[in-house]
Amino acid sequence: MKFPMSTATGVIDRMVEGGWVCRDRSLKDRRVVEVRLTKRGREALRQMEEMGMAFCDAILNALDEKDQNAMLDILQKAARNVRFERNL
């Protein structure tokens, strides 16, 4: 994903203000700023992962086995294409 550095800085600023991440200067290179999840950020990530899994379960449970298999085939093809694109 490509976006301007100013956009990334703004997003990180808001995440710092929200207490989800913290910034640390690199000890090896002072030009580098490392961003780490805080305890609050790790908990938010855990909750988002749980919500994502529940969402996927709800979608899959609404499909019969034939449709689940068809969806799996499509997702596997998409994943292969993403891996291929990254290697270009």
N, C-alpha and C. Protein backbone atom coordinates (compact mmCIF):
# COMPACT_ATOMS: atom_id res chain seq x y z
N MET A 1 0.84 -1.16 0.00
CA MET A 1 0.00 0.00 0.00
C MET A 1 0.90 1.23 0.00
N LYS A 2 0.61 2.16 -0.90
CA LYS A 2 1.42 3.37 -0.98
C LYS A 2 0.56 4.58 -0.62
N PHE A 3 1.11 5.43 0.23
CA PHE A 3 0.45 6.67 0.60
C PHE A 3 1.51 7.63 1.07
N PRO A 4 1.20 8.93 1.07
CA PRO A 4 2.21 9.93 1.48
C PRO A 4 2.65 9.75 2.93
N MET A 5 3.92 10.06 3.21
CA MET A 5 4.45 9.95 4.57
C MET A 5 3.63 10.80 5.54
N SER A 6 3.15 11.96 5.07
CA SER A 6 2.36 12.82 5.95
C SER A 6 1.08 12.13 6.41
N THR A 7 0.52 11.28 5.54
CA THR A 7 -0.67 10.52 5.91
C THR A 7 -0.33 9.52 7.01
N ALA A 8 0.77 8.81 6.84
CA ALA A 8 1.20 7.84 7.86
C ALA A 8 1.46 8.54 9.17
N THR A 9 2.12 9.70 9.11
CA THR A 9 2.43 10.44 10.34
C THR A 9 1.14 10.84 11.05
N GLY A 10 0.15 11.30 10.30
CA GLY A 10 -1.12 11.69 10.91
C GLY A 10 -1.83 10.52 11.56
N VAL A 11 -1.82 9.39 10.89
CA VAL A 11 -2.45 8.18 11.45
C VAL A 11 -1.75 7.78 12.73
N ILE A 12 -0.42 7.75 12.70
CA ILE A 12 0.35 7.37 13.90
C ILE A 12 0.12 8.38 15.02
N ASP A 13 0.08 9.68 14.68
CA ASP A 13 -0.21 10.70 15.70
C ASP A 13 -1.51 10.39 16.42
N ARG A 14 -2.56 10.07 15.66
CA ARG A 14 -3.87 9.78 16.27
C ARG A 14 -3.82 8.50 17.10
N MET A 15 -3.05 7.52 16.64
CA MET A 15 -2.93 6.28 17.40
C MET A 15 -2.17 6.51 18.71
N VAL A 16 -1.16 7.38 18.68
CA VAL A 16 -0.43 7.73 19.90
C VAL A 16 -1.37 8.45 20.86
N GLU A 17 -2.14 9.41 20.34
CA GLU A 17 -3.09 10.15 21.17
C GLU A 17 -4.12 9.21 21.80
N GLY A 18 -4.51 8.17 21.06
CA GLY A 18 -5.48 7.20 21.58
C GLY A 18 -4.88 6.19 22.53
N GLY A 19 -3.56 6.19 22.64
CA GLY A 19 -2.90 5.26 23.56
C GLY A 19 -2.69 3.87 22.99
N TRP A 20 -2.85 3.71 21.67
CA TRP A 20 -2.71 2.38 21.06
C TRP A 20 -1.28 2.04 20.67
N VAL A 21 -0.47 3.07 20.39
CA VAL A 21 0.92 2.84 20.03
C VAL A 21 1.80 3.87 20.73
N CYS A 22 3.09 3.60 20.75
CA CYS A 22 4.06 4.58 21.25
C CYS A 22 5.22 4.63 20.26
N ARG A 23 5.89 5.75 20.25
CA ARG A 23 7.04 5.94 19.36
C ARG A 23 8.31 5.87 20.19
N ASP A 24 9.32 5.26 19.61
CA ASP A 24 10.65 5.22 20.22
C ASP A 24 11.68 5.53 19.15
N ARG A 25 12.65 6.34 19.49
CA ARG A 25 13.77 6.59 18.57
C ARG A 25 14.66 5.36 18.54
N SER A 26 15.12 5.02 17.37
CA SER A 26 16.04 3.90 17.23
C SER A 26 17.37 4.26 17.90
N LEU A 27 17.92 3.32 18.62
CA LEU A 27 19.23 3.53 19.24
C LEU A 27 20.34 3.44 18.21
N LYS A 28 20.07 2.74 17.09
CA LYS A 28 21.08 2.56 16.05
C LYS A 28 21.12 3.73 15.07
N ASP A 29 19.96 4.33 14.82
CA ASP A 29 19.88 5.40 13.82
C ASP A 29 18.82 6.40 14.29
N ARG A 30 19.26 7.57 14.71
CA ARG A 30 18.35 8.56 15.30
C ARG A 30 17.31 9.07 14.31
N ARG A 31 17.52 8.84 13.02
CA ARG A 31 16.53 9.24 12.02
C ARG A 31 15.32 8.32 12.02
N VAL A 32 15.48 7.14 12.58
CA VAL A 32 14.44 6.12 12.55
C VAL A 32 13.58 6.22 13.81
N VAL A 33 12.28 6.20 13.59
CA VAL A 33 11.33 6.17 14.71
C VAL A 33 10.60 4.84 14.65
N GLU A 34 10.68 4.09 15.73
CA GLU A 34 10.00 2.80 15.80
C GLU A 34 8.64 3.00 16.47
N VAL A 35 7.64 2.31 15.96
CA VAL A 35 6.28 2.39 16.50
C VAL A 35 5.92 1.02 17.04
N ARG A 36 5.50 0.99 18.30
CA ARG A 36 5.14 -0.27 18.97
C ARG A 36 3.72 -0.18 19.50
N LEU A 37 3.05 -1.32 19.51
CA LEU A 37 1.74 -1.39 20.16
C LEU A 37 1.91 -1.28 21.66
N THR A 38 1.03 -0.55 22.29
CA THR A 38 0.98 -0.50 23.75
C THR A 38 0.11 -1.67 24.24
N LYS A 39 -0.01 -1.81 25.53
CA LYS A 39 -0.90 -2.83 26.08
C LYS A 39 -2.31 -2.61 25.57
N ARG A 40 -2.75 -1.35 25.56
CA ARG A 40 -4.09 -1.03 25.05
C ARG A 40 -4.19 -1.40 23.57
N GLY A 41 -3.15 -1.15 22.80
CA GLY A 41 -3.15 -1.50 21.38
C GLY A 41 -3.19 -2.99 21.15
N ARG A 42 -2.45 -3.75 21.95
CA ARG A 42 -2.47 -5.21 21.81
C ARG A 42 -3.86 -5.76 22.14
N GLU A 43 -4.50 -5.19 23.15
CA GLU A 43 -5.85 -5.63 23.51
C GLU A 43 -6.84 -5.28 22.39
N ALA A 44 -6.72 -4.09 21.81
CA ALA A 44 -7.60 -3.70 20.71
C ALA A 44 -7.39 -4.62 19.52
N LEU A 45 -6.15 -4.97 19.22
CA LEU A 45 -5.85 -5.89 18.12
C LEU A 45 -6.47 -7.25 18.38
N ARG A 46 -6.35 -7.74 19.60
CA ARG A 46 -6.94 -9.03 19.96
C ARG A 46 -8.46 -9.00 19.74
N GLN A 47 -9.10 -7.91 20.17
CA GLN A 47 -10.55 -7.79 20.00
C GLN A 47 -10.93 -7.72 18.52
N MET A 48 -10.14 -7.00 17.72
CA MET A 48 -10.43 -6.91 16.29
C MET A 48 -10.27 -8.27 15.62
N GLU A 49 -9.26 -9.03 16.04
CA GLU A 49 -9.07 -10.38 15.48
C GLU A 49 -10.27 -11.25 15.82
N GLU A 50 -10.76 -11.17 17.06
CA GLU A 50 -11.93 -11.95 17.46
C GLU A 50 -13.15 -11.55 16.65
N MET A 51 -13.34 -10.25 16.47
CA MET A 51 -14.48 -9.76 15.68
C MET A 51 -14.38 -10.23 14.24
N GLY A 52 -13.17 -10.20 13.69
CA GLY A 52 -12.97 -10.66 12.32
C GLY A 52 -13.30 -12.13 12.16
N MET A 53 -12.86 -12.92 13.12
CA MET A 53 -13.15 -14.36 13.07
C MET A 53 -14.65 -14.61 13.20
N ALA A 54 -15.32 -13.88 14.10
CA ALA A 54 -16.77 -14.05 14.27
C ALA A 54 -17.50 -13.66 12.99
N PHE A 55 -17.03 -12.60 12.33
CA PHE A 55 -17.62 -12.16 11.07
C PHE A 55 -17.47 -13.24 10.01
N CYS A 56 -16.26 -13.79 9.88
CA CYS A 56 -16.02 -14.86 8.91
C CYS A 56 -16.87 -16.08 9.21
N ASP A 57 -16.97 -16.44 10.49
CA ASP A 57 -17.79 -17.59 10.88
C ASP A 57 -19.25 -17.37 10.48
N ALA A 58 -19.75 -16.16 10.71
CA ALA A 58 -21.14 -15.86 10.36
C ALA A 58 -21.37 -15.99 8.87
N ILE A 59 -20.42 -15.51 8.08
CA ILE A 59 -20.55 -15.62 6.62
C ILE A 59 -20.52 -17.08 6.20
N LEU A 60 -19.53 -17.82 6.69
CA LEU A 60 -19.39 -19.22 6.27
C LEU A 60 -20.56 -20.08 6.75
N ASN A 61 -21.06 -19.81 7.94
CA ASN A 61 -22.18 -20.61 8.46
C ASN A 61 -23.46 -20.39 7.68
N ALA A 62 -23.55 -19.28 6.95
CA ALA A 62 -24.73 -19.00 6.14
C ALA A 62 -24.68 -19.74 4.79
N LEU A 63 -23.53 -20.34 4.48
CA LEU A 63 -23.36 -21.04 3.21
C LEU A 63 -23.44 -22.55 3.40
N ASP A 64 -23.96 -23.23 2.38
CA ASP A 64 -23.92 -24.69 2.45
C ASP A 64 -22.51 -25.16 2.09
N GLU A 65 -22.27 -26.46 2.23
CA GLU A 65 -20.92 -26.99 2.03
C GLU A 65 -20.39 -26.74 0.62
N LYS A 66 -21.25 -26.87 -0.38
CA LYS A 66 -20.85 -26.64 -1.77
C LYS A 66 -20.37 -25.19 -1.95
N ASP A 67 -21.13 -24.24 -1.43
CA ASP A 67 -20.75 -22.83 -1.55
C ASP A 67 -19.51 -22.51 -0.72
N GLN A 68 -19.37 -23.14 0.44
CA GLN A 68 -18.16 -22.95 1.24
C GLN A 68 -16.94 -23.40 0.46
N ASN A 69 -17.03 -24.56 -0.20
CA ASN A 69 -15.91 -25.07 -0.99
C ASN A 69 -15.59 -24.15 -2.17
N ALA A 70 -16.63 -23.64 -2.83
CA ALA A 70 -16.43 -22.71 -3.95
C ALA A 70 -15.74 -21.43 -3.45
N MET A 71 -16.18 -20.94 -2.30
CA MET A 71 -15.56 -19.73 -1.73
C MET A 71 -14.10 -19.99 -1.38
N LEU A 72 -13.83 -21.15 -0.81
CA LEU A 72 -12.45 -21.51 -0.48
C LEU A 72 -11.58 -21.55 -1.72
N ASP A 73 -12.10 -22.12 -2.80
CA ASP A 73 -11.33 -22.16 -4.06
C ASP A 73 -11.01 -20.75 -4.55
N ILE A 74 -11.98 -19.87 -4.52
CA ILE A 74 -11.78 -18.49 -4.98
C ILE A 74 -10.76 -17.78 -4.10
N LEU A 75 -10.87 -17.94 -2.79
CA LEU A 75 -9.93 -17.28 -1.87
C LEU A 75 -8.51 -17.81 -2.05
N GLN A 76 -8.38 -19.11 -2.31
CA GLN A 76 -7.05 -19.68 -2.55
C GLN A 76 -6.44 -19.12 -3.84
N LYS A 77 -7.25 -18.96 -4.88
CA LYS A 77 -6.77 -18.36 -6.12
C LYS A 77 -6.33 -16.92 -5.88
N ALA A 78 -7.13 -16.18 -5.13
CA ALA A 78 -6.79 -14.78 -4.83
C ALA A 78 -5.49 -14.71 -4.04
N ALA A 79 -5.31 -15.61 -3.07
CA ALA A 79 -4.08 -15.61 -2.27
C ALA A 79 -2.87 -15.92 -3.14
N ARG A 80 -3.00 -16.86 -4.08
CA ARG A 80 -1.90 -17.16 -5.00
C ARG A 80 -1.55 -15.94 -5.84
N ASN A 81 -2.56 -15.22 -6.31
CA ASN A 81 -2.33 -14.02 -7.11
C ASN A 81 -1.62 -12.94 -6.31
N VAL A 82 -1.98 -12.79 -5.06
CA VAL A 82 -1.33 -11.79 -4.20
C VAL A 82 0.14 -12.16 -4.01
N ARG A 83 0.42 -13.43 -3.76
CA ARG A 83 1.81 -13.87 -3.61
C ARG A 83 2.59 -13.63 -4.90
N PHE A 84 1.96 -13.91 -6.05
CA PHE A 84 2.61 -13.72 -7.33
C PHE A 84 2.92 -12.24 -7.54
N GLU A 85 1.98 -11.37 -7.26
CA GLU A 85 2.17 -9.93 -7.44
C GLU A 85 3.29 -9.40 -6.56
N ARG A 86 3.42 -9.92 -5.37
CA ARG A 86 4.49 -9.46 -4.46
C ARG A 86 5.86 -9.82 -4.99
N ASN A 87 5.95 -10.91 -5.75
CA ASN A 87 7.24 -11.38 -6.26
C ASN A 87 7.67 -10.66 -7.53
N LEU A 88 6.81 -9.84 -8.11
CA LEU A 88 7.17 -9.12 -9.34
C LEU A 88 8.13 -8.01 -9.09
